[in-house]
Amino acid sequence: MRRSILLAMLLLLSVSSANAAFAPQNVQQAKIDVEGNPNQLTVGFDWFHDHGAGVATDNINLVRLDWRRALDTGIPTRIGLNTAITHGSVDVDGGTDNSAFGFNNLGLTLEAGLVDEEDIALTWYLNQHFPFIQSGLMSTTSLRPVSGRNAYGFQTGMEYTISLGDDLDWHGDIGYRFDVPEAGETQQSLVYYNEAVWSGEDFGLSLGLLGNSVYNDDIGTDLRLVPGIIIPMDDMQLRAGLPLGINNTAPDIGVQASIYTTF
């Protein structure tokens, strides 16, 4: 099934059409708009599920908020805030259930546009996540750079956007990350997110390959494939995606939905 979805998405991405570019779902677009619409707002929902060895784990971001503001400071810069209201649960075969609910971590973002052209953009960024969640149940299967972990997190790297034609863009994010948990050693990570977005006349399609490798605590690599669809609605974009775990470390499946707008 996963192979069929991938082949269908690649076929659709090869179709040509002329339209304004749509925004990716899980990768921040590198180009910083300081003149037209400097504000970006994403209101999203995420569900991630994993099942194995008699244990089922679920994480739900009931509401995920990400706001960014572009500033005209000579070199284009952008600041941002993000957080979520999250529910996490673990169900063990035989009747043992545990759950937690509350605010997720608070994220602060600073970005600086090093190259800000129409066909290519390269942006350096620095993200910090401050631990607000009271239980690790709320972050077990989450997308790590989006929601973080139950720890202070620091991430820096480069975002890039490359135009592959009038209607196809390639977005990427490669960065170094560390998380400082309440107990245990600091977790060192390499984050490598990629997402292709085809902008059609009436809708768009996206295909993300999201990777995160943690090099200690035996956490390993989380690798997910995310096919998605983007539908324009007046001044907004309605986006939906289906995260599929590629390796055993990644959660099995998920659902994402969000509304994206600029103003």
Protein backbone atom coordinates (compact mmCIF):
# COMPACT_ATOMS: atom_id res chain seq x y z
CA MET A 1 0.00 0.00 0.00
CA ARG A 2 2.76 2.45 0.93
CA ARG A 3 4.56 1.74 -2.36
CA SER A 4 1.35 2.40 -4.31
CA ILE A 5 0.82 5.73 -2.54
CA LEU A 6 4.43 6.79 -3.27
CA LEU A 7 4.18 5.90 -6.98
CA ALA A 8 0.88 7.76 -7.32
CA MET A 9 2.29 10.88 -5.66
CA LEU A 10 5.41 10.88 -7.83
CA LEU A 11 3.25 10.56 -10.96
CA LEU A 12 1.03 13.45 -9.95
CA LEU A 13 4.01 15.62 -9.04
CA SER A 14 5.30 15.22 -12.59
CA VAL A 15 2.19 16.87 -14.08
CA SER A 16 2.69 20.46 -15.27
CA SER A 17 0.41 23.39 -14.50
CA ALA A 18 0.86 27.12 -13.84
CA ASN A 19 -0.20 28.54 -10.49
CA ALA A 20 1.10 30.37 -7.43
CA ALA A 21 3.23 28.18 -5.19
CA PHE A 22 1.64 26.52 -2.18
CA ALA A 23 3.34 26.24 1.19
CA PRO A 24 4.78 22.91 2.44
CA GLN A 25 3.14 21.15 5.38
CA ASN A 26 6.09 20.12 7.56
CA VAL A 27 9.02 22.18 6.29
CA GLN A 28 9.23 25.94 6.76
CA GLN A 29 9.61 27.69 3.39
CA ALA A 30 12.91 29.53 3.29
CA LYS A 31 11.82 32.67 1.42
CA ILE A 32 10.99 35.56 3.75
CA ASP A 33 8.27 37.96 2.53
CA VAL A 34 8.98 41.37 4.08
CA GLU A 35 6.85 43.41 1.66
CA GLY A 36 3.59 41.64 0.76
CA ASN A 37 2.24 39.57 3.65
CA PRO A 38 4.79 39.51 6.48
CA ASN A 39 2.68 37.35 8.82
CA GLN A 40 2.26 33.58 8.52
CA LEU A 41 -0.20 31.61 10.66
CA THR A 42 -0.73 27.86 10.78
CA VAL A 43 -3.51 26.27 12.84
CA GLY A 44 -3.12 22.51 12.76
CA PHE A 45 -4.21 19.10 14.03
CA ASP A 46 -1.89 16.08 14.29
CA TRP A 47 -2.48 12.44 15.23
CA PHE A 48 0.35 9.91 15.41
CA HIS A 49 -0.16 6.22 16.25
CA ASP A 50 2.24 3.38 16.92
CA HIS A 51 1.49 -0.23 17.86
CA GLY A 52 3.87 -3.02 18.66
CA ALA A 53 4.66 -5.70 21.26
CA GLY A 54 1.25 -5.35 22.90
CA VAL A 55 1.50 -1.58 23.41
CA ALA A 56 -0.42 1.12 21.48
CA THR A 57 0.76 4.74 21.71
CA ASP A 58 -1.13 7.80 20.48
CA ASN A 59 -0.31 11.51 20.41
CA ILE A 60 -2.87 14.11 19.35
CA ASN A 61 -2.18 17.80 18.92
CA LEU A 62 -5.78 18.97 19.25
CA VAL A 63 -4.65 22.48 18.26
CA ARG A 64 -1.16 23.34 17.01
CA LEU A 65 -0.31 27.02 16.46
CA ASP A 66 2.67 28.43 14.55
CA TRP A 67 2.96 32.19 13.96
CA ARG A 68 5.81 33.85 12.05
CA ARG A 69 6.49 37.55 11.40
CA ALA A 70 8.90 38.82 8.75
CA LEU A 71 10.96 41.93 9.54
CA ASP A 72 12.67 44.27 7.07
CA THR A 73 16.04 44.65 8.80
CA GLY A 74 18.48 44.93 5.90
CA ILE A 75 18.93 41.17 5.84
CA PRO A 76 15.39 39.71 5.82
CA THR A 77 14.61 38.18 9.20
CA ARG A 78 11.66 36.33 10.67
CA ILE A 79 10.61 35.63 14.25
CA GLY A 80 8.08 33.06 15.41
CA LEU A 81 6.20 31.36 18.23
CA ASN A 82 4.67 27.88 18.29
CA THR A 83 2.90 25.65 20.78
CA ALA A 84 0.09 23.10 20.95
CA ILE A 85 -2.61 21.60 23.14
CA THR A 86 -1.76 17.91 23.27
CA HIS A 87 -3.17 14.60 24.48
CA GLY A 88 -1.00 11.50 24.76
CA SER A 89 -1.88 7.96 25.77
CA VAL A 90 -0.39 4.48 26.10
CA ASP A 91 -2.61 1.39 26.11
CA VAL A 92 -1.16 -1.97 27.12
CA ASP A 93 -2.91 -5.19 26.12
CA GLY A 94 -4.55 -6.52 29.25
CA GLY A 95 -6.14 -3.28 30.42
CA THR A 96 -3.39 -0.90 31.63
CA ASP A 97 -3.98 2.64 30.30
CA ASN A 98 -2.12 5.90 30.95
CA SER A 99 -2.79 9.34 29.50
CA ALA A 100 -1.83 13.00 29.83
CA PHE A 101 -3.29 16.29 28.57
CA GLY A 102 -2.12 19.90 28.52
CA PHE A 103 -0.02 22.55 26.79
CA ASN A 104 2.93 21.36 24.75
CA ASN A 105 6.36 22.98 24.73
CA LEU A 106 6.77 26.64 23.76
CA GLY A 107 8.92 27.20 20.69
CA LEU A 108 10.76 30.42 19.78
CA THR A 109 12.23 30.88 16.31
CA LEU A 110 14.67 33.32 14.70
CA GLU A 111 15.44 33.15 10.96
CA ALA A 112 17.75 35.19 8.72
CA GLY A 113 17.55 35.11 4.92
CA LEU A 114 21.04 34.68 3.43
CA VAL A 115 19.75 34.18 -0.13
CA ASP A 116 16.25 35.45 -0.88
CA GLU A 117 15.64 35.08 -4.62
CA GLU A 118 12.54 33.87 -6.47
CA ASP A 119 14.17 30.67 -7.72
CA ILE A 120 16.29 29.86 -4.68
CA ALA A 121 16.25 30.86 -1.02
CA LEU A 122 18.61 29.91 1.81
CA THR A 123 17.78 30.82 5.41
CA TRP A 124 19.72 30.23 8.63
CA TYR A 125 17.56 29.56 11.67
CA LEU A 126 17.74 29.06 15.41
CA ASN A 127 14.90 27.33 17.28
CA GLN A 128 14.45 26.89 21.02
CA HIS A 129 11.82 24.74 22.75
CA PHE A 130 11.06 25.36 26.42
CA PRO A 131 9.59 22.39 28.36
CA PHE A 132 6.00 22.99 29.41
CA ILE A 133 4.61 19.47 29.10
CA GLN A 134 4.23 17.55 32.35
CA SER A 135 4.49 14.03 30.92
CA GLY A 136 6.55 12.23 28.29
CA LEU A 137 3.29 10.58 27.15
CA MET A 138 2.52 13.81 25.30
CA SER A 139 5.54 13.55 23.00
CA THR A 140 6.23 9.84 22.45
CA THR A 141 5.32 9.75 18.75
CA SER A 142 5.40 13.47 17.90
CA LEU A 143 7.33 15.06 15.05
CA ARG A 144 10.36 16.06 17.09
CA PRO A 145 11.25 19.50 15.57
CA VAL A 146 7.59 20.58 15.65
CA SER A 147 6.60 19.62 19.19
CA GLY A 148 9.91 18.84 20.84
CA ARG A 149 10.31 16.50 23.81
CA ASN A 150 9.87 16.85 27.56
CA ALA A 151 13.13 18.78 27.67
CA TYR A 152 14.75 22.07 26.73
CA GLY A 153 15.56 21.80 23.01
CA PHE A 154 17.91 23.82 20.81
CA GLN A 155 18.10 23.47 17.04
CA THR A 156 20.06 25.37 14.39
CA GLY A 157 20.57 24.80 10.71
CA MET A 158 19.57 25.84 7.20
CA GLU A 159 16.23 25.98 5.41
CA TYR A 160 16.24 26.05 1.62
CA THR A 161 13.71 26.37 -1.18
CA ILE A 162 14.58 25.55 -4.79
CA SER A 163 12.21 26.18 -7.70
CA LEU A 164 12.20 23.24 -10.11
CA GLY A 165 9.82 24.94 -12.53
CA ASP A 166 6.75 27.17 -12.60
CA ASP A 167 4.75 24.82 -10.38
CA LEU A 168 7.18 22.55 -8.49
CA ASP A 169 9.26 23.59 -5.47
CA TRP A 170 11.65 21.62 -3.30
CA HIS A 171 11.81 22.62 0.38
CA GLY A 172 14.41 21.35 2.82
CA ASP A 173 15.65 21.72 6.38
CA ILE A 174 18.89 20.27 7.68
CA GLY A 175 19.98 21.03 11.22
CA TYR A 176 21.69 19.99 14.41
CA ARG A 177 19.57 19.62 17.54
CA PHE A 178 20.07 18.80 21.18
CA ASP A 179 17.53 18.12 23.94
CA VAL A 180 18.31 18.31 27.65
CA PRO A 181 15.95 15.98 29.56
CA GLU A 182 15.29 16.15 33.30
CA ALA A 183 17.13 12.83 33.71
CA GLY A 184 19.72 11.19 31.50
CA GLU A 185 22.27 12.52 29.07
CA THR A 186 21.77 15.28 26.49
CA GLN A 187 20.30 13.88 23.26
CA GLN A 188 22.22 14.89 20.12
CA SER A 189 20.24 14.85 16.86
CA LEU A 190 20.56 15.40 13.12
CA VAL A 191 17.33 16.66 11.52
CA TYR A 192 16.83 16.29 7.75
CA TYR A 193 13.42 17.21 6.39
CA ASN A 194 12.53 17.42 2.69
CA GLU A 195 9.23 18.18 0.99
CA ALA A 196 8.30 18.60 -2.68
CA VAL A 197 5.22 20.73 -3.42
CA TRP A 198 3.41 20.75 -6.76
CA SER A 199 1.07 23.75 -7.18
CA GLY A 200 -1.82 22.94 -9.48
CA GLU A 201 -4.56 25.16 -10.79
CA ASP A 202 -7.25 24.02 -8.32
CA PHE A 203 -5.21 22.09 -5.75
CA GLY A 204 -1.68 21.15 -4.83
CA LEU A 205 0.15 17.97 -3.85
CA SER A 206 3.02 17.47 -1.45
CA LEU A 207 5.41 14.63 -0.70
CA GLY A 208 7.58 14.85 2.39
CA LEU A 209 10.46 12.68 3.57
CA LEU A 210 11.11 13.58 7.21
CA GLY A 211 14.10 12.20 9.06
CA ASN A 212 15.51 12.65 12.55
CA SER A 213 18.45 10.66 13.94
CA VAL A 214 19.32 10.70 17.65
CA TYR A 215 22.83 9.49 18.36
CA ASN A 216 22.53 8.52 22.02
CA ASP A 217 20.08 6.96 24.52
CA ASP A 218 19.44 4.22 21.89
CA ILE A 219 16.64 6.31 20.36
CA GLY A 220 17.77 5.78 16.77
CA THR A 221 16.30 7.20 13.53
CA ASP A 222 12.70 8.31 12.94
CA LEU A 223 11.98 8.29 9.18
CA ARG A 224 8.52 9.13 7.79
CA LEU A 225 7.00 9.55 4.34
CA VAL A 226 4.17 12.12 4.20
CA PRO A 227 1.99 12.33 1.05
CA GLY A 228 -0.46 15.21 1.21
CA ILE A 229 -2.93 17.46 -0.57
CA ILE A 230 -3.31 21.26 -0.47
CA ILE A 231 -6.57 23.04 -1.34
CA PRO A 232 -6.73 26.85 -1.74
CA MET A 233 -9.67 28.58 -0.03
CA ASP A 234 -9.81 32.35 -0.64
CA ASP A 235 -6.78 33.69 1.31
CA MET A 236 -6.07 30.38 3.05
CA GLN A 237 -4.71 26.96 2.23
CA LEU A 238 -6.31 23.81 3.65
CA ARG A 239 -3.68 21.08 3.96
CA ALA A 240 -3.89 17.39 4.86
CA GLY A 241 -1.22 14.71 5.08
CA LEU A 242 -0.78 11.03 5.92
CA PRO A 243 2.52 10.37 7.76
CA LEU A 244 3.71 6.79 7.21
CA GLY A 245 6.53 5.30 9.26
CA ILE A 246 9.26 3.89 7.01
CA ASN A 247 11.38 2.15 9.64
CA ASN A 248 10.64 0.33 12.89
CA THR A 249 11.62 3.32 15.06
CA ALA A 250 9.04 5.62 13.44
CA PRO A 251 5.34 5.53 14.45
CA ASP A 252 3.20 3.43 12.11
CA ILE A 253 0.76 6.00 10.79
CA GLY A 254 -0.77 9.41 11.40
CA VAL A 255 -3.09 12.11 10.11
CA GLN A 256 -2.31 15.81 9.76
CA ALA A 257 -4.61 18.71 8.86
CA SER A 258 -3.95 22.43 8.99
CA ILE A 259 -5.07 25.83 7.78
CA TYR A 260 -2.30 28.14 6.55
CA THR A 261 -2.70 31.84 5.81
CA THR A 262 -0.61 34.96 5.31
CA PHE A 263 -1.61 38.54 6.08
